[in-house]
Amino acid sequence: DGLMRRDGTGAVVPGLAASYEYDPETYTYVFHLRDGVVWHDG
């Protein structure tokens, strides 16, 4: 998976990221990962 994904309309929405913020002054993204996501090895 990616931090973002496409939905059924083709729009890009949060994936592994639960949410994000963007600061246009510093061109900075902060991504908050979802709780409880684990790799296939646990």
All heavy atoms as atom14 arrays in JSON, in Angstrom:
{
  "sequence": "DGLMRRDGTGAVVPGLAASYEYDPETYTYVFHLRDGVVWHDG",
  "atom14_mask": [
    [1, 1, 1, 1, 1, 1, 1, 1, 0, 0, 0, 0, 0, 0],
    [1, 1, 1, 1, 0, 0, 0, 0, 0, 0, 0, 0, 0, 0],
    [1, 1, 1, 1, 1, 1, 1, 1, 0, 0, 0, 0, 0, 0],
    [1, 1, 1, 1, 1, 1, 1, 1, 0, 0, 0, 0, 0, 0],
    [1, 1, 1, 1, 1, 1, 1, 1, 1, 1, 1, 0, 0, 0],
    [1, 1, 1, 1, 1, 1, 1, 1, 1, 1, 1, 0, 0, 0],
    [1, 1, 1, 1, 1, 1, 1, 1, 0, 0, 0, 0, 0, 0],
    [1, 1, 1, 1, 0, 0, 0, 0, 0, 0, 0, 0, 0, 0],
    [1, 1, 1, 1, 1, 1, 1, 0, 0, 0, 0, 0, 0, 0],
    [1, 1, 1, 1, 0, 0, 0, 0, 0, 0, 0, 0, 0, 0],
    [1, 1, 1, 1, 1, 0, 0, 0, 0, 0, 0, 0, 0, 0],
    [1, 1, 1, 1, 1, 1, 1, 0, 0, 0, 0, 0, 0, 0],
    [1, 1, 1, 1, 1, 1, 1, 0, 0, 0, 0, 0, 0, 0],
    [1, 1, 1, 1, 1, 1, 1, 0, 0, 0, 0, 0, 0, 0],
    [1, 1, 1, 1, 0, 0, 0, 0, 0, 0, 0, 0, 0, 0],
    [1, 1, 1, 1, 1, 1, 1, 1, 0, 0, 0, 0, 0, 0],
    [1, 1, 1, 1, 1, 0, 0, 0, 0, 0, 0, 0, 0, 0],
    [1, 1, 1, 1, 1, 0, 0, 0, 0, 0, 0, 0, 0, 0],
    [1, 1, 1, 1, 1, 1, 0, 0, 0, 0, 0, 0, 0, 0],
    [1, 1, 1, 1, 1, 1, 1, 1, 1, 1, 1, 1, 0, 0],
    [1, 1, 1, 1, 1, 1, 1, 1, 1, 0, 0, 0, 0, 0],
    [1, 1, 1, 1, 1, 1, 1, 1, 1, 1, 1, 1, 0, 0],
    [1, 1, 1, 1, 1, 1, 1, 1, 0, 0, 0, 0, 0, 0],
    [1, 1, 1, 1, 1, 1, 1, 0, 0, 0, 0, 0, 0, 0],
    [1, 1, 1, 1, 1, 1, 1, 1, 1, 0, 0, 0, 0, 0],
    [1, 1, 1, 1, 1, 1, 1, 0, 0, 0, 0, 0, 0, 0],
    [1, 1, 1, 1, 1, 1, 1, 1, 1, 1, 1, 1, 0, 0],
    [1, 1, 1, 1, 1, 1, 1, 0, 0, 0, 0, 0, 0, 0],
    [1, 1, 1, 1, 1, 1, 1, 1, 1, 1, 1, 1, 0, 0],
    [1, 1, 1, 1, 1, 1, 1, 0, 0, 0, 0, 0, 0, 0],
    [1, 1, 1, 1, 1, 1, 1, 1, 1, 1, 1, 0, 0, 0],
    [1, 1, 1, 1, 1, 1, 1, 1, 1, 1, 0, 0, 0, 0],
    [1, 1, 1, 1, 1, 1, 1, 1, 0, 0, 0, 0, 0, 0],
    [1, 1, 1, 1, 1, 1, 1, 1, 1, 1, 1, 0, 0, 0],
    [1, 1, 1, 1, 1, 1, 1, 1, 0, 0, 0, 0, 0, 0],
    [1, 1, 1, 1, 0, 0, 0, 0, 0, 0, 0, 0, 0, 0],
    [1, 1, 1, 1, 1, 1, 1, 0, 0, 0, 0, 0, 0, 0],
    [1, 1, 1, 1, 1, 1, 1, 0, 0, 0, 0, 0, 0, 0],
    [1, 1, 1, 1, 1, 1, 1, 1, 1, 1, 1, 1, 1, 1],
    [1, 1, 1, 1, 1, 1, 1, 1, 1, 1, 0, 0, 0, 0],
    [1, 1, 1, 1, 1, 1, 1, 1, 0, 0, 0, 0, 0, 0],
    [1, 1, 1, 1, 0, 0, 0, 0, 0, 0, 0, 0, 0, 0]
  ],
  "atom14_positions": [
    [[0.85, -1.2, 0.0], [0.0, 0.0, 0.0], [0.88, 1.24, 0.0], [2.05, 1.2, 0.4], [-0.87, 0.07, 1.27], [-1.86, -1.06, 1.37], [-2.66, -1.21, 0.44], [-1.83, -1.79, 2.38], [0.0, 0.0, 0.0], [0.0, 0.0, 0.0], [0.0, 0.0, 0.0], [0.0, 0.0, 0.0], [0.0, 0.0, 0.0], [0.0, 0.0, 0.0]],
    [[0.29, 2.38, -0.41], [0.94, 3.67, -0.29], [0.32, 4.48, 0.84], [-0.72, 4.11, 1.38], [0.0, 0.0, 0.0], [0.0, 0.0, 0.0], [0.0, 0.0, 0.0], [0.0, 0.0, 0.0], [0.0, 0.0, 0.0], [0.0, 0.0, 0.0], [0.0, 0.0, 0.0], [0.0, 0.0, 0.0], [0.0, 0.0, 0.0], [0.0, 0.0, 0.0]],
    [[0.94, 5.61, 1.17], [0.34, 6.5, 2.16], [-0.99, 7.03, 1.66], [-1.9, 7.3, 2.45], [1.27, 7.67, 2.47], [2.56, 7.38, 3.25], [3.21, 8.67, 3.69], [2.3, 6.47, 4.44], [0.0, 0.0, 0.0], [0.0, 0.0, 0.0], [0.0, 0.0, 0.0], [0.0, 0.0, 0.0], [0.0, 0.0, 0.0], [0.0, 0.0, 0.0]],
    [[-1.12, 7.17, 0.34], [-2.36, 7.61, -0.28], [-2.86, 6.48, -1.2], [-2.11, 5.57, -1.55], [-2.14, 8.89, -1.09], [-1.51, 10.04, -0.31], [-2.5, 10.64, 1.09], [-3.83, 11.49, 0.21], [0.0, 0.0, 0.0], [0.0, 0.0, 0.0], [0.0, 0.0, 0.0], [0.0, 0.0, 0.0], [0.0, 0.0, 0.0], [0.0, 0.0, 0.0]],
    [[-4.12, 6.56, -1.59], [-4.71, 5.59, -2.51], [-5.77, 6.29, -3.34], [-6.12, 7.44, -3.07], [-5.35, 4.42, -1.73], [-6.54, 4.82, -0.87], [-7.18, 3.63, -0.18], [-8.32, 4.04, 0.62], [-9.57, 4.16, 0.18], [-9.84, 3.91, -1.1], [-10.55, 4.55, 0.97], [0.0, 0.0, 0.0], [0.0, 0.0, 0.0], [0.0, 0.0, 0.0]],
    [[-6.27, 5.6, -4.35], [-7.39, 6.12, -5.14], [-8.69, 5.53, -4.63], [-8.75, 4.38, -4.22], [-7.23, 5.76, -6.61], [-6.14, 6.5, -7.32], [-6.01, 6.05, -8.76], [-7.13, 6.49, -9.57], [-7.33, 6.09, -10.84], [-6.5, 5.25, -11.39], [-8.35, 6.53, -11.52], [0.0, 0.0, 0.0], [0.0, 0.0, 0.0], [0.0, 0.0, 0.0]],
    [[-9.77, 6.32, -4.68], [-11.09, 5.79, -4.32], [-11.88, 5.48, -5.59], [-11.35, 5.51, -6.7], [-11.84, 6.76, -3.4], [-12.23, 8.08, -4.07], [-12.12, 8.2, -5.32], [-12.67, 9.0, -3.36], [0.0, 0.0, 0.0], [0.0, 0.0, 0.0], [0.0, 0.0, 0.0], [0.0, 0.0, 0.0], [0.0, 0.0, 0.0], [0.0, 0.0, 0.0]],
    [[-13.17, 5.19, -5.43], [-14.0, 4.77, -6.55], [-14.33, 5.86, -7.54], [-14.88, 5.58, -8.61], [0.0, 0.0, 0.0], [0.0, 0.0, 0.0], [0.0, 0.0, 0.0], [0.0, 0.0, 0.0], [0.0, 0.0, 0.0], [0.0, 0.0, 0.0], [0.0, 0.0, 0.0], [0.0, 0.0, 0.0], [0.0, 0.0, 0.0], [0.0, 0.0, 0.0]],
    [[-13.99, 7.1, -7.21], [-14.18, 8.2, -8.17], [-12.88, 8.54, -8.88], [-12.85, 9.4, -9.75], [-14.7, 9.46, -7.46], [-13.66, 10.0, -6.61], [-15.93, 9.15, -6.63], [0.0, 0.0, 0.0], [0.0, 0.0, 0.0], [0.0, 0.0, 0.0], [0.0, 0.0, 0.0], [0.0, 0.0, 0.0], [0.0, 0.0, 0.0], [0.0, 0.0, 0.0]],
    [[-11.79, 7.9, -8.48], [-10.48, 8.22, -9.02], [-9.74, 9.26, -8.22], [-8.59, 9.59, -8.53], [0.0, 0.0, 0.0], [0.0, 0.0, 0.0], [0.0, 0.0, 0.0], [0.0, 0.0, 0.0], [0.0, 0.0, 0.0], [0.0, 0.0, 0.0], [0.0, 0.0, 0.0], [0.0, 0.0, 0.0], [0.0, 0.0, 0.0], [0.0, 0.0, 0.0]],
    [[-10.37, 9.8, -7.16], [-9.72, 10.81, -6.32], [-8.65, 10.16, -5.45], [-8.75, 8.99, -5.07], [-10.75, 11.51, -5.45], [0.0, 0.0, 0.0], [0.0, 0.0, 0.0], [0.0, 0.0, 0.0], [0.0, 0.0, 0.0], [0.0, 0.0, 0.0], [0.0, 0.0, 0.0], [0.0, 0.0, 0.0], [0.0, 0.0, 0.0], [0.0, 0.0, 0.0]],
    [[-7.63, 10.94, -5.11], [-6.57, 10.46, -4.23], [-6.95, 10.8, -2.79], [-7.2, 11.97, -2.45], [-5.22, 11.09, -4.61], [-4.13, 10.71, -3.63], [-4.82, 10.64, -6.02], [0.0, 0.0, 0.0], [0.0, 0.0, 0.0], [0.0, 0.0, 0.0], [0.0, 0.0, 0.0], [0.0, 0.0, 0.0], [0.0, 0.0, 0.0], [0.0, 0.0, 0.0]],
    [[-7.0, 9.79, -1.94], [-7.44, 9.93, -0.55], [-6.43, 9.23, 0.36], [-5.61, 8.44, -0.11], [-8.85, 9.33, -0.36], [-9.87, 10.05, -1.24], [-8.86, 7.83, -0.67], [0.0, 0.0, 0.0], [0.0, 0.0, 0.0], [0.0, 0.0, 0.0], [0.0, 0.0, 0.0], [0.0, 0.0, 0.0], [0.0, 0.0, 0.0], [0.0, 0.0, 0.0]],
    [[-6.47, 9.48, 1.67], [-5.54, 8.82, 2.58], [-5.62, 7.3, 2.51], [-6.71, 6.72, 2.42], [-5.95, 9.34, 3.95], [-6.51, 10.7, 3.67], [-7.25, 10.52, 2.36], [0.0, 0.0, 0.0], [0.0, 0.0, 0.0], [0.0, 0.0, 0.0], [0.0, 0.0, 0.0], [0.0, 0.0, 0.0], [0.0, 0.0, 0.0], [0.0, 0.0, 0.0]],
    [[-4.45, 6.65, 2.56], [-4.35, 5.19, 2.56], [-3.75, 4.74, 3.87], [-4.42, 4.71, 4.89], [0.0, 0.0, 0.0], [0.0, 0.0, 0.0], [0.0, 0.0, 0.0], [0.0, 0.0, 0.0], [0.0, 0.0, 0.0], [0.0, 0.0, 0.0], [0.0, 0.0, 0.0], [0.0, 0.0, 0.0], [0.0, 0.0, 0.0], [0.0, 0.0, 0.0]],
    [[-2.45, 4.39, 3.87], [-1.79, 4.06, 5.12], [-1.71, 5.27, 6.05], [-1.59, 5.13, 7.26], [-0.38, 3.53, 4.86], [-0.29, 2.18, 4.14], [1.17, 1.81, 3.9], [-1.01, 1.1, 4.92], [0.0, 0.0, 0.0], [0.0, 0.0, 0.0], [0.0, 0.0, 0.0], [0.0, 0.0, 0.0], [0.0, 0.0, 0.0], [0.0, 0.0, 0.0]],
    [[-1.77, 6.45, 5.48], [-1.87, 7.67, 6.29], [-3.33, 7.86, 6.68], [-4.22, 7.8, 5.84], [-1.37, 8.87, 5.5], [0.0, 0.0, 0.0], [0.0, 0.0, 0.0], [0.0, 0.0, 0.0], [0.0, 0.0, 0.0], [0.0, 0.0, 0.0], [0.0, 0.0, 0.0], [0.0, 0.0, 0.0], [0.0, 0.0, 0.0], [0.0, 0.0, 0.0]],
    [[-3.56, 8.11, 7.97], [-4.92, 8.43, 8.42], [-5.27, 9.86, 8.06], [-6.43, 10.18, 7.75], [-5.04, 8.23, 9.93], [0.0, 0.0, 0.0], [0.0, 0.0, 0.0], [0.0, 0.0, 0.0], [0.0, 0.0, 0.0], [0.0, 0.0, 0.0], [0.0, 0.0, 0.0], [0.0, 0.0, 0.0], [0.0, 0.0, 0.0], [0.0, 0.0, 0.0]],
    [[-4.25, 10.74, 8.05], [-4.47, 12.15, 7.73], [-3.12, 12.79, 7.42], [-2.06, 12.18, 7.6], [-5.13, 12.87, 8.91], [-4.29, 12.84, 10.05], [0.0, 0.0, 0.0], [0.0, 0.0, 0.0], [0.0, 0.0, 0.0], [0.0, 0.0, 0.0], [0.0, 0.0, 0.0], [0.0, 0.0, 0.0], [0.0, 0.0, 0.0], [0.0, 0.0, 0.0]],
    [[-3.17, 14.02, 6.95], [-1.94, 14.76, 6.66], [-2.21, 16.24, 6.77], [-3.37, 16.7, 6.71], [-1.41, 14.42, 5.26], [-2.33, 14.86, 4.15], [-2.21, 16.14, 3.58], [-3.33, 14.03, 3.68], [-3.06, 16.56, 2.56], [-4.19, 14.45, 2.67], [-4.05, 15.7, 2.12], [-4.91, 16.11, 1.13], [0.0, 0.0, 0.0], [0.0, 0.0, 0.0]],
    [[-1.15, 17.02, 6.96], [-1.23, 18.49, 6.88], [-0.17, 18.98, 5.91], [0.85, 18.3, 5.7], [-0.98, 19.13, 8.25], [-1.99, 18.8, 9.32], [-1.47, 17.73, 10.27], [-0.25, 17.72, 10.58], [-2.27, 16.88, 10.68], [0.0, 0.0, 0.0], [0.0, 0.0, 0.0], [0.0, 0.0, 0.0], [0.0, 0.0, 0.0], [0.0, 0.0, 0.0]],
    [[-0.42, 20.16, 5.34], [0.55, 20.75, 4.42], [0.78, 22.2, 4.8], [-0.16, 22.96, 5.01], [0.05, 20.67, 2.98], [0.96, 21.36, 1.98], [2.25, 20.89, 1.76], [0.54, 22.48, 1.28], [3.1, 21.5, 0.86], [1.38, 23.1, 0.36], [2.66, 22.62, 0.16], [3.5, 23.23, -0.73], [0.0, 0.0, 0.0], [0.0, 0.0, 0.0]],
    [[2.04, 22.59, 4.9], [2.43, 23.98, 5.17], [2.96, 24.59, 3.87], [4.06, 24.26, 3.43], [3.51, 24.02, 6.24], [3.99, 25.44, 6.54], [3.44, 26.4, 5.95], [4.94, 25.59, 7.33], [0.0, 0.0, 0.0], [0.0, 0.0, 0.0], [0.0, 0.0, 0.0], [0.0, 0.0, 0.0], [0.0, 0.0, 0.0], [0.0, 0.0, 0.0]],
    [[2.17, 25.47, 3.24], [2.6, 26.04, 1.95], [3.79, 26.98, 2.06], [4.42, 27.29, 1.04], [1.35, 26.77, 1.46], [0.58, 27.1, 2.71], [0.85, 25.97, 3.65], [0.0, 0.0, 0.0], [0.0, 0.0, 0.0], [0.0, 0.0, 0.0], [0.0, 0.0, 0.0], [0.0, 0.0, 0.0], [0.0, 0.0, 0.0], [0.0, 0.0, 0.0]],
    [[4.08, 27.47, 3.26], [5.22, 28.37, 3.41], [6.55, 27.63, 3.33], [7.54, 28.15, 2.81], [5.12, 29.09, 4.77], [3.88, 29.97, 4.91], [3.86, 31.09, 3.9], [4.93, 31.68, 3.62], [2.77, 31.39, 3.37], [0.0, 0.0, 0.0], [0.0, 0.0, 0.0], [0.0, 0.0, 0.0], [0.0, 0.0, 0.0], [0.0, 0.0, 0.0]],
    [[6.56, 26.39, 3.84], [7.81, 25.62, 3.86], [7.75, 24.39, 2.96], [8.69, 23.6, 2.94], [8.14, 25.17, 5.29], [7.07, 24.34, 5.77], [8.3, 26.37, 6.21], [0.0, 0.0, 0.0], [0.0, 0.0, 0.0], [0.0, 0.0, 0.0], [0.0, 0.0, 0.0], [0.0, 0.0, 0.0], [0.0, 0.0, 0.0], [0.0, 0.0, 0.0]],
    [[6.65, 24.24, 2.21], [6.45, 23.1, 1.3], [6.6, 21.78, 2.08], [7.25, 20.83, 1.6], [7.43, 23.11, 0.13], [7.73, 24.48, -0.43], [9.05, 24.9, -0.62], [6.71, 25.36, -0.76], [9.33, 26.15, -1.13], [6.98, 26.63, -1.27], [8.3, 27.02, -1.44], [8.58, 28.26, -1.94], [0.0, 0.0, 0.0], [0.0, 0.0, 0.0]],
    [[5.97, 21.7, 3.24], [6.16, 20.57, 4.13], [4.85, 19.81, 4.36], [3.82, 20.42, 4.67], [6.71, 21.03, 5.49], [7.97, 21.65, 5.28], [6.87, 19.85, 6.45], [0.0, 0.0, 0.0], [0.0, 0.0, 0.0], [0.0, 0.0, 0.0], [0.0, 0.0, 0.0], [0.0, 0.0, 0.0], [0.0, 0.0, 0.0], [0.0, 0.0, 0.0]],
    [[4.92, 18.49, 4.2], [3.8, 17.61, 4.5], [4.12, 16.86, 5.8], [5.26, 16.41, 6.01], [3.6, 16.57, 3.39], [3.03, 17.13, 2.12], [3.87, 17.65, 1.14], [1.66, 17.12, 1.87], [3.35, 18.16, -0.05], [1.13, 17.62, 0.69], [1.98, 18.14, -0.26], [1.47, 18.63, -1.42], [0.0, 0.0, 0.0], [0.0, 0.0, 0.0]],
    [[3.1, 16.69, 6.63], [3.2, 15.83, 7.8], [2.12, 14.76, 7.67], [0.93, 15.09, 7.59], [3.04, 16.61, 9.11], [3.04, 15.65, 10.31], [4.15, 17.64, 9.26], [0.0, 0.0, 0.0], [0.0, 0.0, 0.0], [0.0, 0.0, 0.0], [0.0, 0.0, 0.0], [0.0, 0.0, 0.0], [0.0, 0.0, 0.0], [0.0, 0.0, 0.0]],
    [[2.54, 13.49, 7.61], [1.61, 12.38, 7.48], [1.51, 11.64, 8.81], [2.53, 11.34, 9.45], [2.09, 11.41, 6.4], [2.04, 11.96, 5.01], [3.16, 12.56, 4.45], [0.87, 11.87, 4.25], [3.12, 13.08, 3.16], [0.83, 12.39, 2.95], [1.96, 12.99, 2.41], [0.0, 0.0, 0.0], [0.0, 0.0, 0.0], [0.0, 0.0, 0.0]],
    [[0.27, 11.36, 9.22], [0.0, 10.61, 10.43], [-0.46, 9.21, 10.03], [-1.5, 9.04, 9.38], [-1.09, 11.3, 11.26], [-0.75, 12.73, 11.61], [0.06, 13.06, 12.68], [-1.08, 13.9, 11.0], [0.2, 14.38, 12.73], [-0.47, 14.92, 11.72], [0.0, 0.0, 0.0], [0.0, 0.0, 0.0], [0.0, 0.0, 0.0], [0.0, 0.0, 0.0]],
    [[0.33, 8.2, 10.41], [0.02, 6.83, 10.03], [-1.17, 6.29, 10.82], [-1.41, 6.69, 11.96], [1.23, 5.93, 10.25], [2.54, 6.36, 9.55], [3.61, 5.3, 9.77], [2.31, 6.59, 8.07], [0.0, 0.0, 0.0], [0.0, 0.0, 0.0], [0.0, 0.0, 0.0], [0.0, 0.0, 0.0], [0.0, 0.0, 0.0], [0.0, 0.0, 0.0]],
    [[-1.89, 5.38, 10.21], [-3.04, 4.77, 10.86], [-2.6, 3.9, 12.05], [-1.56, 3.26, 12.01], [-3.81, 3.89, 9.87], [-4.5, 4.67, 8.77], [-5.32, 3.77, 7.89], [-5.87, 4.55, 6.79], [-7.01, 5.25, 6.85], [-7.72, 5.23, 7.96], [-7.42, 5.94, 5.81], [0.0, 0.0, 0.0], [0.0, 0.0, 0.0], [0.0, 0.0, 0.0]],
    [[-3.45, 3.86, 13.05], [-3.23, 2.95, 14.17], [-3.43, 1.51, 13.72], [-4.32, 1.21, 12.92], [-4.22, 3.24, 15.32], [-3.92, 4.55, 16.02], [-2.74, 4.95, 16.05], [-4.86, 5.16, 16.55], [0.0, 0.0, 0.0], [0.0, 0.0, 0.0], [0.0, 0.0, 0.0], [0.0, 0.0, 0.0], [0.0, 0.0, 0.0], [0.0, 0.0, 0.0]],
    [[-2.63, 0.61, 14.23], [-2.91, -0.82, 14.09], [-2.52, -1.44, 12.77], [-2.79, -2.63, 12.56], [0.0, 0.0, 0.0], [0.0, 0.0, 0.0], [0.0, 0.0, 0.0], [0.0, 0.0, 0.0], [0.0, 0.0, 0.0], [0.0, 0.0, 0.0], [0.0, 0.0, 0.0], [0.0, 0.0, 0.0], [0.0, 0.0, 0.0], [0.0, 0.0, 0.0]],
    [[-1.89, -0.71, 11.85], [-1.47, -1.3, 10.58], [-0.22, -2.13, 10.83], [0.76, -1.65, 11.41], [-1.2, -0.24, 9.51], [-0.7, -0.91, 8.22], [-2.46, 0.56, 9.23], [0.0, 0.0, 0.0], [0.0, 0.0, 0.0], [0.0, 0.0, 0.0], [0.0, 0.0, 0.0], [0.0, 0.0, 0.0], [0.0, 0.0, 0.0], [0.0, 0.0, 0.0]],
    [[-0.24, -3.38, 10.37], [0.92, -4.26, 10.55], [1.34, -4.85, 9.22], [0.53, -4.99, 8.3], [0.62, -5.4, 11.55], [0.34, -4.83, 12.93], [-0.53, -6.28, 11.07], [0.0, 0.0, 0.0], [0.0, 0.0, 0.0], [0.0, 0.0, 0.0], [0.0, 0.0, 0.0], [0.0, 0.0, 0.0], [0.0, 0.0, 0.0], [0.0, 0.0, 0.0]],
    [[2.63, -5.19, 9.12], [3.14, -5.89, 7.97], [2.66, -7.33, 7.99], [2.17, -7.81, 9.02], [4.68, -5.84, 7.95], [5.2, -4.44, 7.78], [5.59, -3.59, 8.76], [5.35, -3.74, 6.54], [5.98, -2.38, 8.22], [5.84, -2.45, 6.86], [5.12, -4.07, 5.21], [6.11, -1.5, 5.88], [5.38, -3.12, 4.23], [5.87, -1.85, 4.57]],
    [[2.79, -8.0, 6.88], [2.32, -9.39, 6.8], [3.03, -10.3, 7.8], [2.51, -11.38, 8.12], [2.5, -9.93, 5.37], [1.65, -9.23, 4.36], [2.0, -9.16, 3.03], [0.48, -8.55, 4.48], [1.08, -8.47, 2.37], [0.15, -8.09, 3.22], [0.0, 0.0, 0.0], [0.0, 0.0, 0.0], [0.0, 0.0, 0.0], [0.0, 0.0, 0.0]],
    [[4.2, -9.89, 8.28], [4.9, -10.69, 9.29], [4.52, -10.29, 10.72], [5.11, -10.78, 11.69], [6.41, -10.61, 9.11], [6.98, -9.2, 9.29], [6.2, -8.27, 9.61], [8.2, -9.02, 9.12], [0.0, 0.0, 0.0], [0.0, 0.0, 0.0], [0.0, 0.0, 0.0], [0.0, 0.0, 0.0], [0.0, 0.0, 0.0], [0.0, 0.0, 0.0]],
    [[3.55, -9.38, 10.86], [3.05, -8.99, 12.17], [3.72, -7.78, 12.78], [3.25, -7.26, 13.81], [0.0, 0.0, 0.0], [0.0, 0.0, 0.0], [0.0, 0.0, 0.0], [0.0, 0.0, 0.0], [0.0, 0.0, 0.0], [0.0, 0.0, 0.0], [0.0, 0.0, 0.0], [0.0, 0.0, 0.0], [0.0, 0.0, 0.0], [0.0, 0.0, 0.0]]
  ]
}
